């Protein structure tokens, strides 16, 4: 299935109206967009992002492990929890990267060759305000016609986020020559570096 989003340019994507979320201290955003190795790598390089943890969201603690989630027999998604300083970066930018670069929100229960509900496109919202922000942004994307197919991203209440096993943390940086990382993650990382170069950490 061709990637409907990554052929577009991020400057085609409008900005979310996230003023109410700025200057609110340290905040978190939980996103699922396919393999967490890739989504984690995309966000680590952005200025204002303090930490990114790969993990699981959508089901219970008992099934929050890599083998169980990869089996496709849980309701978990491979997800990331982004910790960010809202005085430096807002959720609007994080969502713009999510929908424009980090994954393809038009693919249902898959990302490329990764198939299964664990690879679904989802935002796990923490409150009604965050839910409304994401819902409004999806509507804005559809109204502007920047995504050629229907957006299938689900909005799900965040009941808990479970960090993944240590081997999965910062996996792309630790394994740059791994074929999957080279083919899938690194092009997305490079795209962020090109289109969001004014928002990168200075030590990159």
N, C-alpha and C. Protein backbone atom coordinates (compact mmCIF):
# COMPACT_ATOMS: atom_id res chain seq x y z
N UNK A 1 0.85 -1.19 0.00
CA UNK A 1 0.00 0.00 0.00
C UNK A 1 0.89 1.24 0.00
N UNK A 2 0.70 2.15 -0.95
CA UNK A 2 1.54 3.33 -1.01
C UNK A 2 1.31 4.24 0.18
N UNK A 3 2.34 4.93 0.57
CA UNK A 3 2.24 5.88 1.68
C UNK A 3 1.58 7.15 1.16
N UNK A 4 0.41 7.49 1.72
CA UNK A 4 -0.35 8.62 1.23
C UNK A 4 0.15 9.95 1.77
N UNK A 5 0.90 9.92 2.85
CA UNK A 5 1.25 11.16 3.53
C UNK A 5 2.68 11.57 3.28
N UNK A 6 3.60 10.62 3.33
CA UNK A 6 5.01 10.99 3.34
C UNK A 6 5.48 11.56 2.01
N UNK A 7 4.66 11.45 0.96
CA UNK A 7 5.00 12.08 -0.30
C UNK A 7 4.66 13.57 -0.29
N UNK A 8 3.88 13.99 0.69
CA UNK A 8 3.53 15.40 0.83
C UNK A 8 4.62 16.13 1.60
N UNK A 9 4.57 17.45 1.53
CA UNK A 9 5.55 18.25 2.24
C UNK A 9 4.93 18.77 3.52
N UNK A 10 5.68 18.74 4.63
CA UNK A 10 5.12 19.21 5.89
C UNK A 10 4.60 20.64 5.85
N UNK A 11 5.14 21.48 4.96
CA UNK A 11 4.63 22.85 4.92
C UNK A 11 3.24 22.90 4.27
N UNK A 12 2.78 21.77 3.72
CA UNK A 12 1.40 21.71 3.25
C UNK A 12 0.41 21.56 4.40
N UNK A 13 0.90 21.17 5.56
CA UNK A 13 0.03 20.92 6.70
C UNK A 13 -0.18 22.20 7.51
N UNK A 14 -1.43 22.52 7.82
CA UNK A 14 -1.70 23.72 8.62
C UNK A 14 -1.24 23.53 10.06
N UNK A 15 -1.17 24.61 10.78
CA UNK A 15 -0.80 24.56 12.20
C UNK A 15 -2.03 24.41 13.07
N UNK A 16 -1.91 23.60 14.11
CA UNK A 16 -2.99 23.45 15.08
C UNK A 16 -3.04 24.69 15.98
N UNK A 17 -4.22 25.03 16.43
CA UNK A 17 -4.40 26.17 17.34
C UNK A 17 -4.20 25.67 18.78
N UNK A 18 -2.97 25.74 19.23
CA UNK A 18 -2.63 25.15 20.52
C UNK A 18 -2.25 26.18 21.58
N UNK A 19 -2.66 27.43 21.41
CA UNK A 19 -2.26 28.50 22.33
C UNK A 19 -2.58 28.17 23.79
N UNK A 20 -3.70 27.51 24.03
CA UNK A 20 -4.12 27.22 25.40
C UNK A 20 -3.20 26.21 26.08
N UNK A 21 -2.37 25.53 25.29
CA UNK A 21 -1.49 24.50 25.85
C UNK A 21 -0.06 25.00 26.05
N UNK A 22 0.22 26.21 25.60
CA UNK A 22 1.57 26.76 25.71
C UNK A 22 1.79 27.38 27.09
N UNK A 23 3.07 27.43 27.47
CA UNK A 23 3.44 28.02 28.76
C UNK A 23 2.72 27.34 29.93
N UNK A 24 2.57 26.03 29.81
CA UNK A 24 1.87 25.26 30.85
C UNK A 24 2.80 24.26 31.54
N UNK A 25 4.09 24.53 31.49
CA UNK A 25 5.05 23.66 32.16
C UNK A 25 5.36 22.40 31.37
N UNK A 26 5.78 21.38 32.08
CA UNK A 26 6.15 20.12 31.44
C UNK A 26 4.87 19.32 31.20
N UNK A 27 4.69 18.88 29.96
CA UNK A 27 3.50 18.14 29.58
C UNK A 27 3.88 16.85 28.87
N UNK A 28 2.89 16.00 28.64
CA UNK A 28 3.11 14.72 27.97
C UNK A 28 2.06 14.53 26.88
N UNK A 29 2.47 13.84 25.82
CA UNK A 29 1.56 13.49 24.73
C UNK A 29 1.86 12.05 24.32
N UNK A 30 0.81 11.23 24.27
CA UNK A 30 0.98 9.81 23.94
C UNK A 30 0.40 9.56 22.55
N UNK A 31 1.26 9.08 21.66
CA UNK A 31 0.91 8.86 20.26
C UNK A 31 1.26 7.44 19.85
N UNK A 32 0.47 6.89 18.94
CA UNK A 32 0.77 5.58 18.36
C UNK A 32 0.71 5.72 16.85
N UNK A 33 1.78 5.31 16.19
CA UNK A 33 1.83 5.44 14.73
C UNK A 33 2.71 4.38 14.11
N UNK A 34 2.43 3.11 14.43
CA UNK A 34 3.27 2.04 13.92
C UNK A 34 4.38 1.70 14.88
N UNK A 35 5.45 1.13 14.37
CA UNK A 35 6.57 0.69 15.19
C UNK A 35 7.13 1.84 16.02
N UNK A 36 7.22 1.62 17.33
CA UNK A 36 7.68 2.72 18.19
C UNK A 36 9.15 3.03 18.03
N UNK A 37 9.92 2.16 17.43
CA UNK A 37 11.32 2.48 17.15
C UNK A 37 11.40 3.74 16.27
N UNK A 38 10.50 3.82 15.29
CA UNK A 38 10.55 4.91 14.31
C UNK A 38 9.98 6.20 14.87
N UNK A 39 8.81 6.12 15.49
CA UNK A 39 8.20 7.35 16.00
C UNK A 39 9.05 7.97 17.10
N UNK A 40 9.66 7.14 17.93
CA UNK A 40 10.53 7.65 18.98
C UNK A 40 11.69 8.45 18.38
N UNK A 41 12.32 7.90 17.35
CA UNK A 41 13.48 8.54 16.74
C UNK A 41 13.14 9.89 16.14
N UNK A 42 11.96 10.01 15.57
CA UNK A 42 11.53 11.26 14.96
C UNK A 42 11.49 12.40 15.98
N UNK A 43 10.97 12.12 17.16
CA UNK A 43 10.73 13.19 18.13
C UNK A 43 11.92 13.54 19.00
N UNK A 44 12.85 12.64 19.17
CA UNK A 44 13.98 12.90 20.07
C UNK A 44 14.80 14.10 19.66
N UNK A 45 14.77 14.46 18.40
CA UNK A 45 15.65 15.51 17.89
C UNK A 45 15.04 16.92 18.00
N UNK A 46 13.78 17.02 18.41
CA UNK A 46 13.12 18.33 18.43
C UNK A 46 13.44 19.09 19.72
N UNK A 47 13.77 20.36 19.57
CA UNK A 47 14.03 21.21 20.72
C UNK A 47 12.76 21.36 21.55
N UNK A 48 12.89 21.21 22.84
CA UNK A 48 11.74 21.27 23.72
C UNK A 48 11.23 19.91 24.12
N UNK A 49 11.59 18.89 23.35
CA UNK A 49 11.25 17.51 23.73
C UNK A 49 12.30 17.04 24.73
N UNK A 50 11.87 16.77 25.93
CA UNK A 50 12.78 16.42 27.02
C UNK A 50 13.10 14.93 27.06
N UNK A 51 12.12 14.13 26.67
CA UNK A 51 12.32 12.68 26.68
C UNK A 51 11.23 12.04 25.84
N UNK A 52 11.56 10.88 25.29
CA UNK A 52 10.57 10.08 24.56
C UNK A 52 10.73 8.64 25.03
N UNK A 53 9.65 8.06 25.49
CA UNK A 53 9.66 6.68 25.99
C UNK A 53 8.81 5.82 25.07
N UNK A 54 9.38 4.73 24.60
CA UNK A 54 8.62 3.75 23.82
C UNK A 54 7.85 2.86 24.78
N UNK A 55 6.62 2.53 24.41
CA UNK A 55 5.84 1.69 25.31
C UNK A 55 4.55 1.22 24.70
N UNK A 56 3.59 0.94 25.57
CA UNK A 56 2.33 0.34 25.16
C UNK A 56 1.16 1.09 25.80
N UNK A 57 0.08 1.25 25.05
CA UNK A 57 -1.12 1.89 25.57
C UNK A 57 -2.33 1.23 24.94
N UNK A 58 -3.40 1.13 25.73
CA UNK A 58 -4.65 0.61 25.21
C UNK A 58 -5.18 -0.63 25.89
N UNK A 59 -4.35 -1.25 26.74
CA UNK A 59 -4.79 -2.49 27.39
C UNK A 59 -4.17 -2.53 28.79
N UNK A 60 -4.14 -3.70 29.39
CA UNK A 60 -3.75 -3.84 30.78
C UNK A 60 -2.24 -4.04 30.96
N UNK A 61 -1.81 -3.91 32.20
CA UNK A 61 -0.41 -4.12 32.54
C UNK A 61 0.02 -5.55 32.25
N UNK A 62 -0.89 -6.50 32.43
CA UNK A 62 -0.55 -7.91 32.24
C UNK A 62 -0.11 -8.23 30.82
N UNK A 63 -0.60 -7.47 29.85
CA UNK A 63 -0.26 -7.74 28.45
C UNK A 63 0.72 -6.72 27.88
N UNK A 64 1.27 -5.87 28.73
CA UNK A 64 2.18 -4.82 28.28
C UNK A 64 3.60 -5.33 28.16
N UNK A 65 3.81 -6.22 27.21
CA UNK A 65 5.15 -6.70 26.91
C UNK A 65 5.25 -6.96 25.41
N UNK A 66 6.46 -6.94 24.89
CA UNK A 66 6.67 -6.95 23.45
C UNK A 66 6.10 -8.21 22.78
N UNK A 67 6.33 -9.35 23.37
CA UNK A 67 5.84 -10.59 22.76
C UNK A 67 4.33 -10.62 22.68
N UNK A 68 3.67 -10.22 23.76
CA UNK A 68 2.22 -10.23 23.77
C UNK A 68 1.64 -9.23 22.78
N UNK A 69 2.20 -8.03 22.76
CA UNK A 69 1.69 -7.00 21.87
C UNK A 69 1.91 -7.38 20.41
N UNK A 70 3.09 -7.91 20.09
CA UNK A 70 3.39 -8.29 18.71
C UNK A 70 2.53 -9.46 18.23
N UNK A 71 1.98 -10.22 19.15
CA UNK A 71 1.11 -11.33 18.75
C UNK A 71 -0.19 -10.83 18.14
N UNK A 72 -0.54 -9.59 18.42
CA UNK A 72 -1.78 -9.04 17.91
C UNK A 72 -3.00 -9.44 18.71
N UNK A 73 -2.78 -10.10 19.84
CA UNK A 73 -3.89 -10.60 20.64
C UNK A 73 -4.24 -9.70 21.82
N UNK A 74 -3.71 -8.49 21.86
CA UNK A 74 -4.04 -7.53 22.91
C UNK A 74 -4.69 -6.31 22.27
N UNK A 75 -5.14 -5.39 23.09
CA UNK A 75 -5.66 -4.12 22.60
C UNK A 75 -4.62 -3.01 22.66
N UNK A 76 -3.39 -3.39 23.03
CA UNK A 76 -2.32 -2.40 23.09
C UNK A 76 -1.91 -1.93 21.69
N UNK A 77 -1.43 -0.73 21.64
CA UNK A 77 -0.72 -0.21 20.47
C UNK A 77 0.71 0.07 20.89
N UNK A 78 1.64 -0.12 19.96
CA UNK A 78 2.99 0.37 20.20
C UNK A 78 2.90 1.89 20.18
N UNK A 79 3.29 2.50 21.27
CA UNK A 79 3.09 3.94 21.43
C UNK A 79 4.34 4.60 21.98
N UNK A 80 4.34 5.92 21.96
CA UNK A 80 5.42 6.68 22.59
C UNK A 80 4.79 7.73 23.49
N UNK A 81 5.47 8.01 24.59
CA UNK A 81 5.08 9.09 25.48
C UNK A 81 6.12 10.19 25.35
N UNK A 82 5.70 11.32 24.82
CA UNK A 82 6.60 12.45 24.61
C UNK A 82 6.48 13.40 25.79
N UNK A 83 7.59 13.64 26.45
CA UNK A 83 7.64 14.64 27.51
C UNK A 83 8.22 15.92 26.91
N UNK A 84 7.49 17.03 27.02
CA UNK A 84 7.95 18.25 26.37
C UNK A 84 7.73 19.47 27.26
N UNK A 85 8.54 20.47 27.00
CA UNK A 85 8.46 21.74 27.70
C UNK A 85 7.57 22.66 26.88
N UNK A 86 6.39 22.96 27.40
CA UNK A 86 5.42 23.74 26.61
C UNK A 86 5.81 25.21 26.46
N UNK A 87 6.89 25.62 27.12
CA UNK A 87 7.41 26.97 26.89
C UNK A 87 8.28 27.02 25.64
N UNK A 88 8.65 25.84 25.14
CA UNK A 88 9.55 25.77 23.98
C UNK A 88 8.85 25.20 22.76
N UNK A 89 8.04 24.17 22.96
CA UNK A 89 7.34 23.52 21.86
C UNK A 89 5.94 23.16 22.31
N UNK A 90 4.99 23.27 21.40
CA UNK A 90 3.61 22.99 21.74
C UNK A 90 3.12 21.70 21.12
N UNK A 91 1.97 21.21 21.56
CA UNK A 91 1.41 19.99 21.00
C UNK A 91 1.04 20.15 19.53
N UNK A 92 0.80 21.39 19.10
CA UNK A 92 0.50 21.62 17.70
C UNK A 92 1.63 21.18 16.80
N UNK A 93 2.86 21.53 17.16
CA UNK A 93 4.03 21.10 16.39
C UNK A 93 4.19 19.59 16.44
N UNK A 94 3.98 19.01 17.62
CA UNK A 94 4.10 17.56 17.76
C UNK A 94 3.08 16.84 16.88
N UNK A 95 1.88 17.39 16.80
CA UNK A 95 0.85 16.79 15.96
C UNK A 95 1.15 16.99 14.48
N UNK A 96 1.69 18.12 14.13
CA UNK A 96 2.06 18.37 12.73
C UNK A 96 3.11 17.38 12.27
N UNK A 97 4.08 17.10 13.12
CA UNK A 97 5.10 16.10 12.80
C UNK A 97 4.47 14.70 12.74
N UNK A 98 3.56 14.44 13.65
CA UNK A 98 2.90 13.13 13.71
C UNK A 98 2.14 12.84 12.42
N UNK A 99 1.31 13.76 12.00
CA UNK A 99 0.48 13.53 10.82
C UNK A 99 1.24 13.75 9.51
N UNK A 100 2.28 14.57 9.55
CA UNK A 100 2.98 14.90 8.32
C UNK A 100 4.22 14.10 8.01
N UNK A 101 4.85 13.52 9.05
CA UNK A 101 6.11 12.82 8.85
C UNK A 101 6.18 11.48 9.58
N UNK A 102 5.79 11.45 10.84
CA UNK A 102 6.07 10.28 11.67
C UNK A 102 5.36 9.01 11.23
N UNK A 103 4.19 9.16 10.59
CA UNK A 103 3.44 7.97 10.17
C UNK A 103 2.40 8.38 9.15
N UNK A 104 1.69 7.39 8.62
CA UNK A 104 0.63 7.63 7.66
C UNK A 104 -0.72 7.40 8.34
N UNK A 105 -1.47 8.45 8.64
CA UNK A 105 -2.73 8.31 9.38
C UNK A 105 -3.88 7.78 8.54
N UNK A 106 -3.62 7.43 7.28
CA UNK A 106 -4.67 6.89 6.43
C UNK A 106 -4.63 5.36 6.36
N UNK A 107 -3.67 4.74 7.00
CA UNK A 107 -3.55 3.29 6.96
C UNK A 107 -4.21 2.70 8.21
N UNK A 108 -5.18 1.84 8.02
CA UNK A 108 -5.94 1.26 9.11
C UNK A 108 -5.26 0.02 9.65
N UNK A 109 -4.90 0.08 10.93
CA UNK A 109 -4.30 -1.07 11.62
C UNK A 109 -3.06 -1.60 10.90
N UNK A 110 -2.25 -0.67 10.43
CA UNK A 110 -1.00 -1.06 9.79
C UNK A 110 -0.17 0.19 9.54
N UNK A 111 1.12 -0.05 9.31
CA UNK A 111 2.02 0.98 8.78
C UNK A 111 2.96 0.24 7.86
N UNK A 112 2.79 0.45 6.56
CA UNK A 112 3.62 -0.26 5.60
C UNK A 112 3.41 -1.76 5.70
N UNK A 113 4.51 -2.48 5.91
CA UNK A 113 4.44 -3.94 6.01
C UNK A 113 4.08 -4.42 7.40
N UNK A 114 4.06 -3.52 8.37
CA UNK A 114 3.67 -3.89 9.74
C UNK A 114 2.15 -3.89 9.83
N UNK A 115 1.57 -5.05 10.04
CA UNK A 115 0.12 -5.17 10.05
C UNK A 115 -0.38 -5.66 11.39
N UNK A 116 -1.53 -5.14 11.81
CA UNK A 116 -2.13 -5.54 13.06
C UNK A 116 -2.58 -4.32 13.85
N UNK A 117 -3.53 -4.54 14.75
CA UNK A 117 -4.08 -3.44 15.54
C UNK A 117 -3.03 -2.78 16.41
N UNK A 118 -1.96 -3.51 16.74
CA UNK A 118 -0.90 -2.94 17.56
C UNK A 118 -0.15 -1.83 16.82
N UNK A 119 -0.34 -1.75 15.50
CA UNK A 119 0.31 -0.71 14.70
C UNK A 119 -0.67 0.37 14.26
N UNK A 120 -1.79 0.47 14.94
CA UNK A 120 -2.81 1.44 14.55
C UNK A 120 -2.36 2.87 14.78
N UNK A 121 -3.00 3.76 14.08
CA UNK A 121 -2.79 5.19 14.27
C UNK A 121 -3.73 5.66 15.37
N UNK A 122 -3.18 6.22 16.43
CA UNK A 122 -4.02 6.63 17.56
C UNK A 122 -3.36 7.75 18.34
N UNK A 123 -4.20 8.58 18.93
CA UNK A 123 -3.78 9.55 19.93
C UNK A 123 -4.51 9.20 21.21
N UNK A 124 -3.75 9.00 22.27
CA UNK A 124 -4.32 8.68 23.58
C UNK A 124 -4.41 9.96 24.39
N UNK A 125 -5.60 10.52 24.41
CA UNK A 125 -5.78 11.83 25.04
C UNK A 125 -5.95 11.70 26.55
N UNK A 126 -5.49 12.75 27.25
CA UNK A 126 -5.50 12.74 28.71
C UNK A 126 -6.68 13.50 29.30
N UNK A 127 -7.31 14.36 28.51
CA UNK A 127 -8.44 15.15 29.00
C UNK A 127 -9.24 15.63 27.79
N UNK A 128 -10.38 16.26 28.08
CA UNK A 128 -11.26 16.70 27.01
C UNK A 128 -10.62 17.78 26.14
N UNK A 129 -9.84 18.63 26.74
CA UNK A 129 -9.19 19.69 25.97
C UNK A 129 -8.22 19.11 24.94
N UNK A 130 -7.46 18.12 25.36
CA UNK A 130 -6.52 17.48 24.43
C UNK A 130 -7.28 16.72 23.34
N UNK A 131 -8.35 16.05 23.72
CA UNK A 131 -9.18 15.35 22.74
C UNK A 131 -9.72 16.33 21.69
N UNK A 132 -10.18 17.48 22.15
CA UNK A 132 -10.74 18.47 21.23
C UNK A 132 -9.66 19.04 20.32
N UNK A 133 -8.48 19.27 20.87
CA UNK A 133 -7.36 19.77 20.07
C UNK A 133 -7.07 18.84 18.90
N UNK A 134 -6.98 17.55 19.18
CA UNK A 134 -6.65 16.58 18.14
C UNK A 134 -7.79 16.44 17.15
N UNK A 135 -9.01 16.39 17.66
CA UNK A 135 -10.18 16.28 16.79
C UNK A 135 -10.27 17.47 15.84
N UNK A 136 -10.05 18.65 16.37
CA UNK A 136 -10.10 19.86 15.53
C UNK A 136 -9.00 19.84 14.49
N UNK A 137 -7.83 19.32 14.87
CA UNK A 137 -6.72 19.30 13.92
C UNK A 137 -6.98 18.31 12.79
N UNK A 138 -7.53 17.16 13.12
CA UNK A 138 -7.87 16.20 12.08
C UNK A 138 -8.89 16.81 11.11
N UNK A 139 -9.87 17.50 11.65
CA UNK A 139 -10.88 18.16 10.82
C UNK A 139 -10.23 19.22 9.93
N UNK A 140 -9.26 19.94 10.50
CA UNK A 140 -8.56 20.97 9.73
C UNK A 140 -7.77 20.35 8.58
N UNK A 141 -7.11 19.24 8.83
CA UNK A 141 -6.37 18.55 7.78
C UNK A 141 -7.29 18.11 6.66
N UNK A 142 -8.44 17.57 7.03
CA UNK A 142 -9.38 17.09 6.02
C UNK A 142 -9.98 18.25 5.24
N UNK A 143 -10.27 19.34 5.92
CA UNK A 143 -10.83 20.51 5.24
C UNK A 143 -9.85 21.12 4.25
N UNK A 144 -8.56 21.06 4.59
CA UNK A 144 -7.53 21.63 3.71
C UNK A 144 -7.09 20.67 2.62
N UNK A 145 -7.57 19.43 2.68
CA UNK A 145 -7.28 18.47 1.63
C UNK A 145 -5.83 18.06 1.51
N UNK A 146 -5.08 18.12 2.62
CA UNK A 146 -3.66 17.77 2.55
C UNK A 146 -3.42 16.27 2.63
N UNK A 147 -4.44 15.52 3.04
CA UNK A 147 -4.34 14.07 3.09
C UNK A 147 -5.30 13.52 2.05
N UNK A 148 -4.83 12.68 1.17
CA UNK A 148 -5.60 12.25 0.00
C UNK A 148 -6.62 11.16 0.29
N UNK A 149 -6.48 10.51 1.44
CA UNK A 149 -7.41 9.45 1.83
C UNK A 149 -7.97 9.80 3.21
N UNK A 150 -9.07 9.18 3.61
CA UNK A 150 -9.64 9.47 4.93
C UNK A 150 -8.65 9.17 6.06
N UNK A 151 -8.61 10.04 7.04
CA UNK A 151 -7.77 9.83 8.22
C UNK A 151 -8.47 8.83 9.13
N UNK A 152 -7.76 7.79 9.53
CA UNK A 152 -8.34 6.74 10.35
C UNK A 152 -7.80 6.76 11.78
N UNK A 153 -7.08 7.79 12.14
CA UNK A 153 -6.52 7.92 13.48
C UNK A 153 -7.63 7.88 14.53
N UNK A 154 -7.49 6.99 15.49
CA UNK A 154 -8.48 6.90 16.56
C UNK A 154 -8.07 7.78 17.73
N UNK A 155 -9.06 8.33 18.39
CA UNK A 155 -8.85 9.10 19.62
C UNK A 155 -9.34 8.24 20.78
N UNK A 156 -8.40 7.86 21.64
CA UNK A 156 -8.71 6.92 22.72
C UNK A 156 -8.28 7.52 24.06
N UNK A 157 -9.12 7.39 25.07
CA UNK A 157 -8.72 7.91 26.39
C UNK A 157 -7.51 7.16 26.93
N UNK A 158 -6.58 7.89 27.49
CA UNK A 158 -5.38 7.28 28.06
C UNK A 158 -5.70 6.78 29.46
N UNK A 159 -5.73 5.47 29.63
CA UNK A 159 -5.93 4.90 30.96
C UNK A 159 -4.61 4.62 31.64
N UNK A 160 -3.60 4.27 30.85
CA UNK A 160 -2.25 4.03 31.38
C UNK A 160 -1.29 3.91 30.22
N UNK A 161 -0.04 4.25 30.50
CA UNK A 161 1.04 4.06 29.53
C UNK A 161 2.10 3.21 30.22
N UNK A 162 2.52 2.14 29.54
CA UNK A 162 3.48 1.22 30.12
C UNK A 162 4.78 1.26 29.31
N UNK A 163 5.88 1.69 29.90
CA UNK A 163 7.15 1.71 29.17
C UNK A 163 7.52 0.32 28.67
N UNK A 164 8.07 0.27 27.48
CA UNK A 164 8.53 -0.99 26.91
C UNK A 164 9.84 -1.41 27.54
N UNK A 165 10.24 -2.60 27.22
CA UNK A 165 11.49 -3.15 27.71
C UNK A 165 12.67 -2.24 27.31
N UNK A 166 13.72 -2.25 28.10
CA UNK A 166 14.83 -1.33 27.92
C UNK A 166 15.46 -1.43 26.53
N UNK A 167 15.48 -2.61 25.95
CA UNK A 167 16.10 -2.79 24.63
C UNK A 167 15.42 -1.95 23.56
N UNK A 168 14.16 -1.58 23.79
CA UNK A 168 13.42 -0.82 22.80
C UNK A 168 13.55 0.69 22.97
N UNK A 169 14.19 1.13 24.02
CA UNK A 169 14.35 2.56 24.26
C UNK A 169 15.52 3.12 23.44
N UNK A 170 15.23 4.20 22.72
CA UNK A 170 16.24 4.83 21.86
C UNK A 170 16.86 3.82 20.90
N UNK A 171 16.02 2.93 20.40
CA UNK A 171 16.50 1.80 19.59
C UNK A 171 17.15 2.26 18.29
N UNK A 172 16.56 3.23 17.62
CA UNK A 172 17.08 3.65 16.32
C UNK A 172 18.49 4.22 16.44
N UNK A 173 18.74 5.02 17.47
CA UNK A 173 20.07 5.59 17.66
C UNK A 173 21.10 4.53 17.99
N UNK A 174 20.67 3.50 18.72
CA UNK A 174 21.59 2.44 19.12
C UNK A 174 21.83 1.42 18.01
N UNK A 175 20.94 1.41 17.01
CA UNK A 175 21.04 0.39 15.94
C UNK A 175 20.85 1.03 14.56
N UNK A 176 21.71 1.98 14.22
CA UNK A 176 21.50 2.72 12.96
C UNK A 176 21.64 1.86 11.71
N UNK A 177 22.37 0.75 11.80
CA UNK A 177 22.59 -0.09 10.63
C UNK A 177 21.59 -1.24 10.52
N UNK A 178 20.68 -1.33 11.48
CA UNK A 178 19.65 -2.35 11.39
C UNK A 178 18.80 -2.05 10.16
N UNK A 179 18.54 -3.04 9.29
CA UNK A 179 17.86 -2.77 8.01
C UNK A 179 16.53 -2.04 8.14
N UNK A 180 15.72 -2.41 9.11
CA UNK A 180 14.42 -1.75 9.29
C UNK A 180 14.61 -0.28 9.66
N UNK A 181 15.56 -0.02 10.54
CA UNK A 181 15.82 1.36 10.95
C UNK A 181 16.32 2.18 9.76
N UNK A 182 17.23 1.61 9.00
CA UNK A 182 17.80 2.33 7.86
C UNK A 182 16.74 2.62 6.80
N UNK A 183 15.83 1.68 6.60
CA UNK A 183 14.84 1.82 5.54
C UNK A 183 13.63 2.65 5.94
N UNK A 184 13.22 2.57 7.21
CA UNK A 184 11.97 3.18 7.62
C UNK A 184 12.17 4.40 8.53
N UNK A 185 13.00 4.25 9.55
CA UNK A 185 13.15 5.33 10.52
C UNK A 185 14.02 6.48 10.02
N UNK A 186 15.17 6.16 9.45
CA UNK A 186 16.12 7.21 9.09
C UNK A 186 15.58 8.21 8.06
N UNK A 187 14.80 7.77 7.06
CA UNK A 187 14.23 8.78 6.14
C UNK A 187 13.29 9.75 6.85
N UNK A 188 12.56 9.28 7.84
CA UNK A 188 11.66 10.17 8.59
C UNK A 188 12.46 11.13 9.46
N UNK A 189 13.50 10.63 10.09
CA UNK A 189 14.38 11.48 10.89
C UNK A 189 14.98 12.58 10.01
N UNK A 190 15.44 12.19 8.82
CA UNK A 190 16.04 13.16 7.90
C UNK A 190 15.02 14.20 7.44
N UNK A 191 13.78 13.78 7.27
CA UNK A 191 12.75 14.70 6.82
C UNK A 191 12.46 15.76 7.89
N UNK A 192 12.45 15.34 9.15
CA UNK A 192 12.27 16.30 10.23
C UNK A 192 13.44 17.28 10.26
N UNK A 193 14.65 16.77 10.08
CA UNK A 193 15.83 17.62 10.10
C UNK A 193 15.79 18.66 8.98
N UNK A 194 15.18 18.29 7.87
CA UNK A 194 15.10 19.22 6.74
C UNK A 194 13.99 20.25 6.93
N UNK A 195 12.79 19.80 7.27
CA UNK A 195 11.63 20.69 7.31
C UNK A 195 11.43 21.40 8.65
N UNK A 196 12.05 20.87 9.70
CA UNK A 196 11.92 21.50 11.01
C UNK A 196 13.30 21.88 11.56
N UNK A 197 14.20 22.27 10.68
CA UNK A 197 15.58 22.53 11.09
C UNK A 197 15.67 23.68 12.09
N UNK A 198 14.72 24.60 12.06
CA UNK A 198 14.71 25.73 13.01
C UNK A 198 14.24 25.29 14.39
N UNK A 199 13.75 24.04 14.51
CA UNK A 199 13.25 23.56 15.78
C UNK A 199 14.02 22.35 16.31
N UNK A 200 15.22 22.15 15.77
CA UNK A 200 16.04 21.01 16.22
C UNK A 200 16.89 21.39 17.43
N UNK A 201 17.26 20.38 18.18
CA UNK A 201 18.19 20.60 19.29
C UNK A 201 19.54 21.02 18.72
N UNK A 202 20.23 21.88 19.42
CA UNK A 202 21.46 22.45 18.90
C UNK A 202 22.61 21.45 18.83
N UNK A 203 22.53 20.35 19.59
CA UNK A 203 23.65 19.41 19.61
C UNK A 203 23.54 18.35 18.52
N UNK A 204 22.58 18.49 17.61
CA UNK A 204 22.45 17.51 16.52
C UNK A 204 23.49 17.78 15.45
